[in-house]
Amino acid sequence: MSFTPTALNLPQYPFKITLKESRYFIFDEVRKKHLILTPEEWVRQHFIQFLILEKKFPKSLIQIEGGLSLNKLQKRTDIVIFNTHGERIMVIECKAPAVKISQATFDQAARYNSVHKTRWLVVTNGLMHYYATIDHKEERFVFIKDLPEYQFL
């Protein structure tokens, strides 16, 4: 199985990539383990580094692939960000670069967030990034141009 990395609209980072039994693996610094390198994982790992290095998100407040129960189904949220009080403040949905970000993509992320009820929602395919704040009472999104640094969330 080969993996050809796609150039993303994110800074380049020095990932630890290894080849084992004809599969590529990438080291996840948050979970401290090697993961099969898929196009979606390529985006997720870049976005995690972007959060930590560019936006100053504390690594200890990032949860990757956290489980949630939605309509009696077990789902996984790509990335959940917590504040220092242990409250969820952001849900991030990562897609492979070949996946176009559509209304259906946002609907999926919003369904996941209906469980978490975070104020922030991010959807990215590594090429396009959409950042929104959510007003849960009014049930609406407000899109913003850039994601603030962690301390300003």
Protein backbone atom coordinates (compact mmCIF):
# COMPACT_ATOMS: atom_id res chain seq x y z
CA MET A 1 0.00 0.00 0.00
CA SER A 2 1.53 3.29 -1.02
CA PHE A 3 0.76 6.75 0.20
CA THR A 4 1.56 9.82 -1.85
CA PRO A 5 1.41 12.88 0.37
CA THR A 6 -0.73 15.71 -0.93
CA ALA A 7 0.57 19.24 -0.46
CA LEU A 8 -1.83 20.88 1.98
CA ASN A 9 -2.79 24.47 2.68
CA LEU A 10 -0.99 24.21 6.03
CA PRO A 11 2.65 24.60 7.01
CA GLN A 12 4.92 21.60 6.46
CA TYR A 13 5.98 19.74 9.59
CA PRO A 14 8.75 17.16 10.15
CA PHE A 15 6.64 14.07 10.72
CA LYS A 16 8.08 10.69 11.68
CA ILE A 17 6.90 8.43 8.85
CA THR A 18 7.91 4.78 8.72
CA LEU A 19 7.32 1.93 6.32
CA LYS A 20 6.45 -1.43 7.86
CA GLU A 21 5.15 -4.48 6.02
CA SER A 22 4.43 -2.37 2.89
CA ARG A 23 2.32 0.14 4.89
CA TYR A 24 3.21 3.69 5.83
CA PHE A 25 2.74 4.85 9.41
CA ILE A 26 2.85 8.34 10.91
CA PHE A 27 3.73 9.02 14.54
CA ASP A 28 0.96 10.84 16.42
CA GLU A 29 2.61 13.04 19.06
CA VAL A 30 -0.63 13.50 21.00
CA ARG A 31 -1.52 9.81 21.31
CA LYS A 32 2.15 8.74 21.33
CA LYS A 33 1.69 5.95 18.79
CA HIS A 34 2.17 5.11 15.13
CA LEU A 35 -0.96 5.20 12.98
CA ILE A 36 -1.62 3.94 9.47
CA LEU A 37 -1.04 6.88 7.16
CA THR A 38 -4.23 7.51 5.23
CA PRO A 39 -5.12 10.74 3.42
CA GLU A 40 -7.45 11.71 6.28
CA GLU A 41 -4.75 10.98 8.88
CA TRP A 42 -2.32 13.13 6.85
CA VAL A 43 -4.77 16.05 7.18
CA ARG A 44 -5.48 15.33 10.87
CA GLN A 45 -1.78 15.24 11.81
CA HIS A 46 -1.08 18.47 9.93
CA PHE A 47 -4.01 20.21 11.55
CA ILE A 48 -2.97 19.04 15.02
CA GLN A 49 0.52 20.47 14.47
CA PHE A 50 -1.03 23.68 13.15
CA LEU A 51 -3.10 23.96 16.35
CA ILE A 52 -0.12 23.29 18.63
CA LEU A 53 2.62 25.22 16.84
CA GLU A 54 0.80 28.07 15.11
CA LYS A 55 -2.27 28.60 17.29
CA LYS A 56 -0.66 27.70 20.65
CA PHE A 57 -3.20 25.03 21.63
CA PRO A 58 -1.97 23.02 24.65
CA LYS A 59 -1.30 19.46 23.51
CA SER A 60 -2.80 18.15 26.76
CA LEU A 61 -6.19 19.70 25.90
CA ILE A 62 -6.50 17.97 22.51
CA GLN A 63 -8.46 14.71 22.26
CA ILE A 64 -8.25 12.73 19.03
CA GLU A 65 -10.98 10.38 17.82
CA GLY A 66 -13.07 10.63 20.94
CA GLY A 67 -16.13 8.40 20.97
CA LEU A 68 -19.67 9.70 21.13
CA SER A 69 -23.11 8.19 20.96
CA LEU A 70 -25.43 9.70 18.36
CA ASN A 71 -28.93 8.30 17.78
CA LYS A 72 -27.82 5.07 19.51
CA LEU A 73 -24.86 4.73 17.10
CA GLN A 74 -21.23 4.90 18.18
CA LYS A 75 -19.38 7.60 16.22
CA ARG A 76 -15.96 9.20 16.48
CA THR A 77 -15.16 12.89 16.59
CA ASP A 78 -11.86 13.57 14.78
CA ILE A 79 -10.57 16.20 17.22
CA VAL A 80 -12.11 17.73 20.33
CA ILE A 81 -10.50 20.68 22.10
CA PHE A 82 -11.04 21.30 25.82
CA ASN A 83 -10.54 24.38 27.97
CA THR A 84 -8.55 24.32 31.20
CA HIS A 85 -11.75 23.49 33.13
CA GLY A 86 -12.20 20.25 31.17
CA GLU A 87 -15.11 21.58 29.11
CA ARG A 88 -15.33 20.85 25.39
CA ILE A 89 -14.95 24.07 23.41
CA MET A 90 -14.27 22.95 19.82
CA VAL A 91 -15.03 20.09 17.46
CA ILE A 92 -12.84 19.61 14.39
CA GLU A 93 -13.87 17.36 11.51
CA CYS A 94 -11.05 16.31 9.17
CA LYS A 95 -11.57 14.94 5.68
CA ALA A 96 -9.15 13.62 3.08
CA PRO A 97 -7.95 16.26 0.59
CA ALA A 98 -9.96 14.63 -2.21
CA VAL A 99 -13.19 15.07 -0.24
CA LYS A 100 -14.97 18.30 -1.10
CA ILE A 101 -16.31 20.25 1.86
CA SER A 102 -20.07 20.41 1.33
CA GLN A 103 -23.23 21.11 3.28
CA ALA A 104 -23.36 17.38 4.07
CA THR A 105 -19.88 17.63 5.62
CA PHE A 106 -21.05 20.49 7.83
CA ASP A 107 -24.24 18.64 8.69
CA GLN A 108 -22.16 15.65 9.86
CA ALA A 109 -19.93 17.87 12.00
CA ALA A 110 -22.98 19.70 13.38
CA ARG A 111 -24.63 16.38 14.31
CA TYR A 112 -21.49 15.38 16.20
CA ASN A 113 -21.45 18.77 17.85
CA SER A 114 -25.10 18.40 18.87
CA VAL A 115 -23.73 15.92 21.42
CA HIS A 116 -20.70 18.01 22.48
CA LYS A 117 -22.40 21.45 22.28
CA THR A 118 -19.13 23.30 21.69
CA ARG A 119 -18.94 26.96 20.76
CA TRP A 120 -16.48 26.35 17.90
CA LEU A 121 -16.73 24.10 14.86
CA VAL A 122 -13.95 23.54 12.32
CA VAL A 123 -14.15 21.51 9.12
CA THR A 124 -11.04 20.95 7.00
CA ASN A 125 -9.80 18.78 4.17
CA GLY A 126 -6.30 20.23 4.50
CA LEU A 127 -6.86 22.45 1.47
CA MET A 128 -9.89 24.41 2.66
CA HIS A 129 -10.53 25.27 6.31
CA TYR A 130 -13.86 26.52 7.63
CA TYR A 131 -14.10 28.04 11.09
CA ALA A 132 -17.42 28.83 12.74
CA THR A 133 -18.75 29.86 16.10
CA ILE A 134 -22.07 28.34 17.04
CA ASP A 135 -24.99 30.00 18.72
CA HIS A 136 -26.82 26.97 20.12
CA LYS A 137 -29.85 28.97 21.31
CA GLU A 138 -30.42 30.51 17.86
CA GLU A 139 -29.20 27.33 16.10
CA ARG A 140 -26.92 29.15 13.69
CA PHE A 141 -23.31 29.31 12.57
CA VAL A 142 -21.23 32.43 12.22
CA PHE A 143 -18.27 31.79 9.93
CA ILE A 144 -15.01 33.57 10.64
CA LYS A 145 -11.99 34.03 8.40
CA ASP A 146 -9.25 32.74 10.69
CA LEU A 147 -9.01 30.62 13.81
CA PRO A 148 -7.82 32.64 16.81
CA GLU A 149 -4.98 31.48 19.02
CA TYR A 150 -6.10 29.28 21.90
CA GLN A 151 -5.91 32.03 24.52
CA PHE A 152 -8.44 34.13 22.58
CA LEU A 153 -11.12 31.45 22.15
